[in-house]
N, C-alpha and C. Protein backbone atom coordinates (compact mmCIF):
# COMPACT_ATOMS: atom_id res chain seq x y z
N MET A 1 -59.75 66.13 42.07
CA MET A 1 -59.27 64.95 41.37
C MET A 1 -57.83 65.16 40.86
N LYS A 2 -57.57 66.38 40.37
CA LYS A 2 -56.24 66.70 39.89
C LYS A 2 -55.21 66.59 41.00
N LYS A 3 -55.58 67.03 42.20
CA LYS A 3 -54.66 66.98 43.33
C LYS A 3 -54.36 65.53 43.72
N VAL A 4 -55.37 64.66 43.65
CA VAL A 4 -55.18 63.25 43.99
C VAL A 4 -54.24 62.60 42.98
N LEU A 5 -54.47 62.84 41.71
CA LEU A 5 -53.60 62.27 40.68
C LEU A 5 -52.17 62.81 40.81
N THR A 6 -52.03 64.09 41.09
CA THR A 6 -50.71 64.67 41.27
C THR A 6 -50.01 64.03 42.47
N PHE A 7 -50.76 63.84 43.55
CA PHE A 7 -50.20 63.20 44.74
C PHE A 7 -49.70 61.78 44.41
N PHE A 8 -50.52 60.98 43.74
CA PHE A 8 -50.12 59.61 43.39
C PHE A 8 -48.94 59.60 42.42
N LEU A 9 -48.90 60.53 41.50
CA LEU A 9 -47.78 60.63 40.58
C LEU A 9 -46.50 60.95 41.35
N PHE A 10 -46.61 61.90 42.29
CA PHE A 10 -45.45 62.26 43.12
C PHE A 10 -44.97 61.05 43.93
N VAL A 11 -45.90 60.32 44.55
CA VAL A 11 -45.55 59.15 45.34
C VAL A 11 -44.89 58.09 44.45
N PHE A 12 -45.46 57.85 43.28
CA PHE A 12 -44.89 56.87 42.35
C PHE A 12 -43.46 57.25 41.95
N LEU A 13 -43.26 58.51 41.60
CA LEU A 13 -41.92 58.97 41.21
C LEU A 13 -40.94 58.87 42.38
N PHE A 14 -41.40 59.22 43.57
CA PHE A 14 -40.54 59.16 44.74
C PHE A 14 -40.11 57.72 45.02
N ILE A 15 -41.06 56.79 44.95
CA ILE A 15 -40.76 55.38 45.21
C ILE A 15 -39.85 54.81 44.12
N SER A 16 -40.11 55.14 42.88
CA SER A 16 -39.30 54.58 41.79
C SER A 16 -37.89 55.15 41.77
N CYS A 17 -37.67 56.32 42.36
CA CYS A 17 -36.34 56.91 42.38
C CYS A 17 -35.54 56.49 43.60
N GLN A 18 -36.14 55.77 44.50
CA GLN A 18 -35.42 55.30 45.68
C GLN A 18 -34.30 54.38 45.26
N GLU A 19 -33.21 54.42 45.98
CA GLU A 19 -32.06 53.55 45.68
C GLU A 19 -32.45 52.11 45.99
N GLU A 20 -32.29 51.25 45.00
CA GLU A 20 -32.59 49.83 45.21
C GLU A 20 -31.44 49.19 45.96
N LYS A 21 -31.79 48.28 46.85
CA LYS A 21 -30.76 47.55 47.56
C LYS A 21 -30.17 46.52 46.61
N ALA A 22 -28.88 46.60 46.43
CA ALA A 22 -28.20 45.65 45.55
C ALA A 22 -28.09 44.31 46.26
N PHE A 23 -28.15 43.25 45.49
CA PHE A 23 -27.97 41.92 46.05
C PHE A 23 -26.51 41.78 46.44
N ARG A 24 -26.29 41.47 47.68
CA ARG A 24 -24.92 41.29 48.17
C ARG A 24 -24.76 39.88 48.67
N PRO A 25 -23.97 39.08 47.98
CA PRO A 25 -23.75 37.72 48.46
C PRO A 25 -23.05 37.75 49.81
N SER A 26 -23.26 36.70 50.55
CA SER A 26 -22.65 36.57 51.86
C SER A 26 -21.12 36.56 51.71
N PRO A 27 -20.42 37.14 52.69
CA PRO A 27 -18.95 37.08 52.63
C PRO A 27 -18.42 35.68 52.95
N TYR A 28 -19.30 34.82 53.45
CA TYR A 28 -18.89 33.46 53.78
C TYR A 28 -19.06 32.57 52.56
N LEU A 29 -18.25 31.54 52.48
CA LEU A 29 -18.33 30.62 51.34
C LEU A 29 -19.68 29.91 51.32
N LEU A 30 -20.14 29.45 52.48
CA LEU A 30 -21.43 28.78 52.61
C LEU A 30 -22.16 29.31 53.83
N THR A 31 -23.47 29.44 53.71
CA THR A 31 -24.28 29.83 54.86
C THR A 31 -25.45 28.88 55.02
N ASP A 32 -25.91 28.76 56.26
CA ASP A 32 -27.10 27.95 56.50
C ASP A 32 -28.34 28.81 56.26
N LYS A 33 -29.50 28.23 56.47
CA LYS A 33 -30.78 28.88 56.20
C LYS A 33 -30.92 30.23 56.93
N ASN A 34 -30.27 30.35 58.11
CA ASN A 34 -30.36 31.57 58.90
C ASN A 34 -29.25 32.58 58.59
N GLY A 35 -28.43 32.27 57.59
CA GLY A 35 -27.35 33.18 57.22
C GLY A 35 -26.08 32.99 58.03
N ASN A 36 -26.05 31.98 58.89
CA ASN A 36 -24.85 31.70 59.68
C ASN A 36 -23.81 30.99 58.82
N PRO A 37 -22.53 31.29 59.03
CA PRO A 37 -21.51 30.61 58.24
C PRO A 37 -21.43 29.12 58.58
N VAL A 38 -21.26 28.31 57.55
CA VAL A 38 -21.06 26.87 57.73
C VAL A 38 -19.57 26.66 57.95
N PRO A 39 -19.20 26.03 59.07
CA PRO A 39 -17.76 25.82 59.32
C PRO A 39 -17.17 24.83 58.33
N LEU A 40 -16.06 25.23 57.73
CA LEU A 40 -15.39 24.41 56.73
C LEU A 40 -13.96 24.14 57.16
N PRO A 41 -13.45 22.96 56.87
CA PRO A 41 -12.05 22.66 57.21
C PRO A 41 -11.10 23.49 56.34
N LYS A 42 -9.99 23.84 56.90
CA LYS A 42 -8.99 24.62 56.15
C LYS A 42 -7.95 23.72 55.50
N ASP A 43 -7.90 22.45 55.94
CA ASP A 43 -6.83 21.56 55.49
C ASP A 43 -7.32 20.36 54.67
N LYS A 44 -8.59 20.40 54.22
CA LYS A 44 -9.14 19.29 53.45
C LYS A 44 -9.92 19.83 52.26
N LEU A 45 -10.06 19.00 51.26
CA LEU A 45 -10.98 19.31 50.17
C LEU A 45 -12.39 19.04 50.67
N ILE A 46 -13.35 19.76 50.14
CA ILE A 46 -14.72 19.68 50.63
C ILE A 46 -15.61 19.07 49.55
N VAL A 47 -16.33 18.02 49.94
CA VAL A 47 -17.35 17.42 49.08
C VAL A 47 -18.66 18.07 49.51
N LEU A 48 -19.12 19.00 48.69
CA LEU A 48 -20.31 19.78 48.99
C LEU A 48 -21.50 19.16 48.27
N ASN A 49 -22.35 18.49 49.03
CA ASN A 49 -23.45 17.72 48.46
C ASN A 49 -24.78 18.44 48.68
N PHE A 50 -25.36 18.96 47.60
CA PHE A 50 -26.70 19.57 47.68
C PHE A 50 -27.71 18.45 47.49
N MET A 51 -28.59 18.29 48.46
CA MET A 51 -29.49 17.14 48.51
C MET A 51 -30.88 17.57 48.97
N ALA A 52 -31.79 16.62 48.88
CA ALA A 52 -33.15 16.84 49.39
C ALA A 52 -33.58 15.57 50.12
N TYR A 53 -34.25 15.77 51.23
CA TYR A 53 -34.75 14.61 51.97
C TYR A 53 -35.77 13.83 51.14
N SER A 54 -36.46 14.54 50.24
CA SER A 54 -37.47 13.89 49.41
C SER A 54 -36.88 13.19 48.18
N CYS A 55 -35.57 13.27 48.02
CA CYS A 55 -34.88 12.70 46.85
C CYS A 55 -34.34 11.31 47.20
N SER A 56 -34.91 10.28 46.61
CA SER A 56 -34.47 8.92 46.93
C SER A 56 -33.03 8.67 46.49
N ALA A 57 -32.61 9.23 45.36
CA ALA A 57 -31.22 9.08 44.91
C ALA A 57 -30.26 9.71 45.90
N CYS A 58 -30.66 10.84 46.49
CA CYS A 58 -29.82 11.51 47.49
C CYS A 58 -29.64 10.62 48.72
N MET A 59 -30.72 10.03 49.15
CA MET A 59 -30.66 9.20 50.35
C MET A 59 -29.84 7.92 50.11
N LYS A 60 -29.89 7.41 48.87
CA LYS A 60 -29.12 6.20 48.54
C LYS A 60 -27.63 6.48 48.40
N GLU A 61 -27.27 7.70 47.96
CA GLU A 61 -25.85 7.98 47.75
C GLU A 61 -25.13 8.37 49.04
N MET A 62 -25.85 8.78 50.05
CA MET A 62 -25.19 9.19 51.30
C MET A 62 -24.32 8.08 51.90
N PRO A 63 -24.83 6.86 52.06
CA PRO A 63 -23.96 5.81 52.61
C PRO A 63 -22.80 5.45 51.68
N VAL A 64 -23.01 5.58 50.38
CA VAL A 64 -21.93 5.32 49.41
C VAL A 64 -20.80 6.33 49.62
N MET A 65 -21.16 7.59 49.72
CA MET A 65 -20.15 8.64 49.92
C MET A 65 -19.41 8.44 51.24
N LYS A 66 -20.15 8.13 52.28
CA LYS A 66 -19.53 7.93 53.60
C LYS A 66 -18.59 6.75 53.60
N LYS A 67 -18.95 5.69 52.88
CA LYS A 67 -18.09 4.50 52.82
C LYS A 67 -16.79 4.81 52.09
N VAL A 68 -16.90 5.42 50.91
CA VAL A 68 -15.73 5.68 50.07
C VAL A 68 -14.80 6.69 50.73
N ILE A 69 -15.35 7.70 51.37
CA ILE A 69 -14.54 8.76 51.96
C ILE A 69 -13.65 8.24 53.09
N LYS A 70 -14.02 7.10 53.68
CA LYS A 70 -13.23 6.49 54.77
C LYS A 70 -12.06 5.65 54.25
N GLU A 71 -12.04 5.37 52.94
CA GLU A 71 -10.99 4.52 52.38
C GLU A 71 -9.63 5.21 52.43
N LYS A 72 -8.60 4.41 52.49
CA LYS A 72 -7.23 4.89 52.71
C LYS A 72 -6.80 6.06 51.81
N PRO A 73 -7.04 6.01 50.49
CA PRO A 73 -6.54 7.13 49.68
C PRO A 73 -7.25 8.46 49.95
N PHE A 74 -8.43 8.42 50.60
CA PHE A 74 -9.24 9.62 50.77
C PHE A 74 -9.37 10.07 52.23
N LYS A 75 -9.11 9.16 53.15
CA LYS A 75 -9.27 9.45 54.56
C LYS A 75 -8.38 10.63 54.95
N ASP A 76 -8.94 11.54 55.69
CA ASP A 76 -8.25 12.75 56.17
C ASP A 76 -7.90 13.74 55.06
N LYS A 77 -8.41 13.51 53.85
CA LYS A 77 -8.16 14.45 52.76
C LYS A 77 -9.43 15.18 52.32
N PHE A 78 -10.58 14.65 52.74
CA PHE A 78 -11.87 15.21 52.33
C PHE A 78 -12.80 15.35 53.52
N GLN A 79 -13.71 16.32 53.42
CA GLN A 79 -14.81 16.47 54.37
C GLN A 79 -16.08 16.61 53.56
N ILE A 80 -17.09 15.83 53.89
CA ILE A 80 -18.38 15.95 53.22
C ILE A 80 -19.23 16.95 54.00
N ILE A 81 -19.87 17.84 53.29
CA ILE A 81 -20.83 18.79 53.87
C ILE A 81 -22.12 18.64 53.06
N GLY A 82 -23.20 18.32 53.73
CA GLY A 82 -24.50 18.22 53.07
C GLY A 82 -25.28 19.52 53.23
N MET A 83 -25.91 19.95 52.16
CA MET A 83 -26.78 21.13 52.19
C MET A 83 -28.16 20.69 51.71
N VAL A 84 -29.11 20.61 52.63
CA VAL A 84 -30.45 20.15 52.29
C VAL A 84 -31.25 21.35 51.77
N ILE A 85 -31.95 21.15 50.66
CA ILE A 85 -32.67 22.27 50.04
C ILE A 85 -34.18 22.19 50.21
N ASP A 86 -34.69 21.10 50.76
CA ASP A 86 -36.15 20.98 50.88
C ASP A 86 -36.63 20.94 52.33
N SER A 87 -35.81 21.42 53.24
CA SER A 87 -36.20 21.39 54.64
C SER A 87 -35.41 22.43 55.43
N ASP A 88 -36.00 22.87 56.52
CA ASP A 88 -35.32 23.79 57.43
C ASP A 88 -34.54 23.02 58.49
N LYS A 89 -34.61 21.69 58.43
CA LYS A 89 -33.96 20.87 59.44
C LYS A 89 -32.69 20.24 58.88
N GLY A 90 -31.61 20.47 59.57
CA GLY A 90 -30.35 19.82 59.22
C GLY A 90 -30.13 18.65 60.17
N ASP A 91 -28.99 18.04 60.06
CA ASP A 91 -28.62 16.95 60.96
C ASP A 91 -27.11 16.99 61.14
N LEU A 92 -26.70 17.51 62.28
CA LEU A 92 -25.27 17.66 62.54
C LEU A 92 -24.75 16.52 63.40
N SER A 93 -25.54 15.48 63.59
CA SER A 93 -25.15 14.38 64.48
C SER A 93 -24.04 13.50 63.90
N ASP A 94 -23.85 13.50 62.60
CA ASP A 94 -22.81 12.68 61.98
C ASP A 94 -21.65 13.58 61.54
N PRO A 95 -20.52 13.55 62.26
CA PRO A 95 -19.40 14.44 61.88
C PRO A 95 -18.81 14.11 60.51
N LEU A 96 -19.04 12.90 60.01
CA LEU A 96 -18.54 12.54 58.69
C LEU A 96 -19.38 13.16 57.57
N PHE A 97 -20.67 13.42 57.86
CA PHE A 97 -21.57 13.96 56.85
C PHE A 97 -22.59 14.88 57.52
N PRO A 98 -22.12 16.04 58.05
CA PRO A 98 -23.08 16.96 58.65
C PRO A 98 -23.96 17.58 57.57
N ILE A 99 -25.23 17.78 57.90
CA ILE A 99 -26.19 18.32 56.94
C ILE A 99 -26.75 19.62 57.49
N TYR A 100 -26.65 20.67 56.70
CA TYR A 100 -27.15 21.99 57.07
C TYR A 100 -28.32 22.36 56.16
N PRO A 101 -29.32 23.09 56.68
CA PRO A 101 -30.36 23.62 55.79
C PRO A 101 -29.75 24.75 54.96
N SER A 102 -29.88 24.68 53.66
CA SER A 102 -29.18 25.60 52.77
C SER A 102 -29.87 26.95 52.65
N SER A 103 -29.05 27.96 52.48
CA SER A 103 -29.52 29.31 52.19
C SER A 103 -29.54 29.49 50.68
N SER A 104 -30.44 30.32 50.20
CA SER A 104 -30.46 30.60 48.75
C SER A 104 -29.19 31.31 48.32
N GLN A 105 -28.47 31.94 49.23
CA GLN A 105 -27.19 32.59 48.92
C GLN A 105 -26.19 31.60 48.32
N ASN A 106 -26.27 30.35 48.78
CA ASN A 106 -25.31 29.34 48.31
C ASN A 106 -25.44 29.07 46.81
N PHE A 107 -26.66 29.26 46.28
CA PHE A 107 -26.89 28.95 44.87
C PHE A 107 -26.26 29.98 43.94
N VAL A 108 -25.83 31.12 44.49
CA VAL A 108 -25.12 32.11 43.67
C VAL A 108 -23.76 31.54 43.29
N ARG A 109 -23.08 30.96 44.26
CA ARG A 109 -21.75 30.40 44.01
C ARG A 109 -21.82 28.98 43.44
N PHE A 110 -22.83 28.25 43.87
CA PHE A 110 -22.94 26.84 43.51
C PHE A 110 -24.33 26.55 42.94
N PRO A 111 -24.54 26.77 41.65
CA PRO A 111 -25.86 26.50 41.05
C PRO A 111 -26.24 25.03 41.20
N VAL A 112 -27.51 24.79 41.47
CA VAL A 112 -28.02 23.44 41.67
C VAL A 112 -29.21 23.23 40.73
N PRO A 113 -28.97 22.59 39.58
CA PRO A 113 -30.06 22.37 38.64
C PRO A 113 -31.02 21.27 39.09
N GLY A 114 -30.60 20.43 40.01
CA GLY A 114 -31.42 19.34 40.54
C GLY A 114 -30.63 18.62 41.61
N THR A 115 -31.32 17.75 42.31
CA THR A 115 -30.62 17.01 43.36
C THR A 115 -30.48 15.56 42.97
N PRO A 116 -29.39 14.94 43.37
CA PRO A 116 -28.25 15.54 44.04
C PRO A 116 -27.32 16.22 43.05
N THR A 117 -26.71 17.29 43.53
CA THR A 117 -25.62 17.96 42.82
C THR A 117 -24.48 18.08 43.82
N THR A 118 -23.29 17.67 43.41
CA THR A 118 -22.15 17.67 44.31
C THR A 118 -20.99 18.43 43.70
N TYR A 119 -20.40 19.29 44.51
CA TYR A 119 -19.19 20.02 44.13
C TYR A 119 -18.06 19.51 45.00
N ILE A 120 -16.90 19.32 44.43
CA ILE A 120 -15.70 19.08 45.22
C ILE A 120 -14.88 20.35 45.07
N ILE A 121 -14.64 21.02 46.20
CA ILE A 121 -14.03 22.34 46.19
C ILE A 121 -12.84 22.41 47.15
N THR A 122 -12.04 23.42 46.95
CA THR A 122 -10.96 23.71 47.89
C THR A 122 -11.55 24.48 49.06
N PRO A 123 -10.83 24.62 50.17
CA PRO A 123 -11.34 25.42 51.30
C PRO A 123 -11.61 26.87 50.92
N GLU A 124 -10.99 27.34 49.86
CA GLU A 124 -11.21 28.71 49.39
C GLU A 124 -12.40 28.81 48.46
N GLY A 125 -12.96 27.69 48.05
CA GLY A 125 -14.14 27.69 47.20
C GLY A 125 -13.89 27.42 45.73
N LYS A 126 -12.65 27.12 45.37
CA LYS A 126 -12.36 26.80 43.96
C LYS A 126 -13.00 25.47 43.60
N LYS A 127 -13.76 25.46 42.53
CA LYS A 127 -14.45 24.25 42.09
C LYS A 127 -13.47 23.35 41.34
N LEU A 128 -13.31 22.14 41.85
CA LEU A 128 -12.43 21.17 41.21
C LEU A 128 -13.23 20.18 40.36
N VAL A 129 -14.37 19.74 40.88
CA VAL A 129 -15.21 18.76 40.19
C VAL A 129 -16.67 19.11 40.48
N VAL A 130 -17.51 18.95 39.47
CA VAL A 130 -18.96 19.11 39.65
C VAL A 130 -19.61 17.80 39.21
N ILE A 131 -20.48 17.27 40.07
CA ILE A 131 -21.15 15.99 39.79
C ILE A 131 -22.65 16.22 39.79
N TYR A 132 -23.29 15.93 38.67
CA TYR A 132 -24.73 16.05 38.56
C TYR A 132 -25.32 14.64 38.68
N GLY A 133 -26.19 14.44 39.63
CA GLY A 133 -26.80 13.13 39.82
C GLY A 133 -26.08 12.33 40.89
N ALA A 134 -26.64 11.19 41.19
CA ALA A 134 -26.11 10.33 42.25
C ALA A 134 -24.83 9.63 41.79
N VAL A 135 -24.01 9.29 42.77
CA VAL A 135 -22.75 8.61 42.49
C VAL A 135 -22.82 7.14 42.90
N THR A 136 -22.03 6.34 42.23
CA THR A 136 -21.79 4.96 42.64
C THR A 136 -20.43 4.95 43.34
N GLU A 137 -20.10 3.87 44.00
CA GLU A 137 -18.79 3.79 44.65
C GLU A 137 -17.67 4.01 43.63
N GLU A 138 -17.79 3.33 42.50
CA GLU A 138 -16.74 3.40 41.48
C GLU A 138 -16.56 4.82 40.93
N ASN A 139 -17.65 5.46 40.53
CA ASN A 139 -17.45 6.79 39.94
C ASN A 139 -17.15 7.85 41.00
N PHE A 140 -17.57 7.66 42.24
CA PHE A 140 -17.21 8.60 43.29
C PHE A 140 -15.70 8.55 43.55
N ARG A 141 -15.14 7.36 43.55
CA ARG A 141 -13.68 7.23 43.70
C ARG A 141 -12.96 7.99 42.57
N LYS A 142 -13.46 7.83 41.34
CA LYS A 142 -12.85 8.52 40.20
C LYS A 142 -12.91 10.04 40.38
N PHE A 143 -14.05 10.53 40.84
CA PHE A 143 -14.20 11.98 41.06
C PHE A 143 -13.25 12.47 42.17
N LEU A 144 -13.11 11.68 43.24
CA LEU A 144 -12.21 12.07 44.32
C LEU A 144 -10.75 12.10 43.85
N PHE A 145 -10.34 11.08 43.09
CA PHE A 145 -8.98 11.08 42.54
C PHE A 145 -8.77 12.27 41.60
N GLN A 146 -9.78 12.55 40.79
CA GLN A 146 -9.70 13.70 39.87
C GLN A 146 -9.52 15.00 40.67
N ALA A 147 -10.26 15.16 41.75
CA ALA A 147 -10.15 16.36 42.58
C ALA A 147 -8.77 16.47 43.22
N LEU A 148 -8.26 15.35 43.72
CA LEU A 148 -6.91 15.36 44.32
C LEU A 148 -5.87 15.79 43.30
N LYS A 149 -5.99 15.26 42.09
CA LYS A 149 -5.04 15.58 41.02
C LYS A 149 -5.11 17.08 40.67
N LYS A 150 -6.32 17.62 40.53
CA LYS A 150 -6.47 19.04 40.20
C LYS A 150 -5.99 19.93 41.33
N ALA A 151 -6.25 19.52 42.56
CA ALA A 151 -5.80 20.32 43.70
C ALA A 151 -4.28 20.35 43.78
N LYS A 152 -3.65 19.22 43.47
CA LYS A 152 -2.19 19.13 43.50
C LYS A 152 -1.57 20.05 42.42
N LYS A 153 -2.21 20.07 41.25
CA LYS A 153 -1.71 20.91 40.14
C LYS A 153 -1.83 22.40 40.47
N SER A 154 -2.86 22.77 41.20
CA SER A 154 -3.11 24.19 41.47
C SER A 154 -2.26 24.75 42.61
N LYS A 155 -1.49 23.90 43.27
CA LYS A 155 -0.63 24.39 44.38
C LYS A 155 0.63 24.99 43.87
């Protein structure tokens, strides 16, 4: 019995002394569910929309965002990237609003307390605006103008 207890004690000590693997965030700004980098534009601000297919507010704000982003003051200055958190299925068929299945790695840089949560960021990942909840056309325009102003100041 003593030998068995000694053996288990030795095994326990050996396992507990093993070097733990440190959490290492991805070197990429955003990754999909499989750890692949999400392609981001280098010359536009990014509207990073964390959403869920099961979220009715998320589904209602998508056409609003797509409509406003096409308007003259914003066209060619922003790219929307959707990150779905409740599914492994993305939808890359719409180049204006591609949707990727999100990796948990993304939540290290971009915490998501609920959906929808939207970040407007620079291509380098600097957060310019954070939006909690769904947007209307009017307040989305205000957020986009605010992001443009902050981006201009930081140059």
